[in-house]
Amino acid sequence: MDSNLMEKSVQYKFANTEKYGDKKVARELKHLKADASDEAINKVGTSLAKLQGDNLKSIVEISKRDIEITD
């Protein structure tokens, strides 16, 4: 069975009790390069958190693949 990577994105979750209370805010960045390293993804999330004045709580990588249907 073959599959082709169609799209890759990353979701960052940020926390800041002063701005969001006990909730977390999720931001998804689409069009992630297929060969992006975990270290680079982490650096981007950390930088975004600092710019926003938030704490980075989690990172989730999302991959969408086109899977060939076989009989």
Protein backbone atom coordinates (compact mmCIF):
# COMPACT_ATOMS: atom_id res chain seq x y z
CA MET A 1 0.00 0.00 0.00
CA ASP A 2 1.42 3.38 -1.01
CA SER A 3 0.82 6.79 0.52
CA ASN A 4 1.90 10.31 -0.37
CA LEU A 5 2.33 13.17 2.08
CA MET A 6 -0.22 15.83 1.12
CA GLU A 7 0.16 18.38 3.90
CA LYS A 8 2.02 18.80 7.15
CA SER A 9 1.21 21.33 9.86
CA VAL A 10 1.99 21.99 13.52
CA GLN A 11 -0.29 23.00 16.39
CA TYR A 12 1.11 24.95 19.33
CA LYS A 13 -0.80 25.35 22.60
CA PHE A 14 -0.06 28.38 24.74
CA ALA A 15 -1.03 29.19 28.32
CA ASN A 16 -1.20 32.50 30.16
CA THR A 17 -3.46 32.70 33.21
CA GLU A 18 -3.66 36.50 33.05
CA LYS A 19 -4.93 36.51 29.45
CA TYR A 20 -6.73 33.18 29.07
CA GLY A 21 -7.51 32.04 32.62
CA ASP A 22 -7.20 28.26 32.98
CA LYS A 23 -7.72 27.71 29.25
CA LYS A 24 -5.05 27.12 26.63
CA VAL A 25 -5.00 28.80 23.23
CA ALA A 26 -4.15 26.68 20.17
CA ARG A 27 -2.55 28.06 17.03
CA GLU A 28 -2.01 25.96 13.90
CA LEU A 29 0.65 26.78 11.34
CA LYS A 30 0.13 25.10 8.00
CA HIS A 31 2.54 24.24 5.19
CA LEU A 32 5.25 22.86 7.45
CA LYS A 33 8.25 21.65 5.45
CA ALA A 34 8.32 17.86 5.23
CA ASP A 35 11.91 17.76 6.52
CA ALA A 36 11.46 20.24 9.41
CA SER A 37 13.33 18.98 12.47
CA ASP A 38 11.76 18.66 15.91
CA GLU A 39 14.35 21.13 17.21
CA ALA A 40 13.37 23.77 14.63
CA ILE A 41 9.65 23.27 15.33
CA ASN A 42 10.34 23.67 19.05
CA LYS A 43 12.38 26.86 18.49
CA VAL A 44 9.53 28.43 16.50
CA GLY A 45 7.01 27.59 19.22
CA THR A 46 9.26 28.93 21.95
CA SER A 47 9.84 32.15 19.98
CA LEU A 48 6.11 32.62 19.36
CA ALA A 49 5.39 32.11 23.06
CA LYS A 50 7.97 34.73 24.05
CA LEU A 51 6.64 37.25 21.51
CA GLN A 52 3.09 36.76 22.82
CA GLY A 53 4.13 36.78 26.48
CA ASP A 54 2.78 33.23 26.90
CA ASN A 55 4.09 29.84 27.99
CA LEU A 56 4.39 27.06 25.41
CA LYS A 57 2.52 24.02 26.75
CA SER A 58 2.43 21.51 23.89
CA ILE A 59 3.35 20.88 20.27
CA VAL A 60 1.46 18.50 17.96
CA GLU A 61 2.58 17.68 14.42
CA ILE A 62 -0.26 16.93 12.01
CA SER A 63 0.35 14.95 8.80
CA LYS A 64 -2.21 14.38 6.07
CA ARG A 65 -1.50 11.58 3.62
CA ASP A 66 -3.17 10.37 0.47
CA ILE A 67 -3.43 6.59 0.89
CA GLU A 68 -3.89 4.43 -2.18
CA ILE A 69 -6.99 2.24 -2.11
CA THR A 70 -6.30 -1.38 -2.95
CA ASP A 71 -8.69 -4.28 -3.45
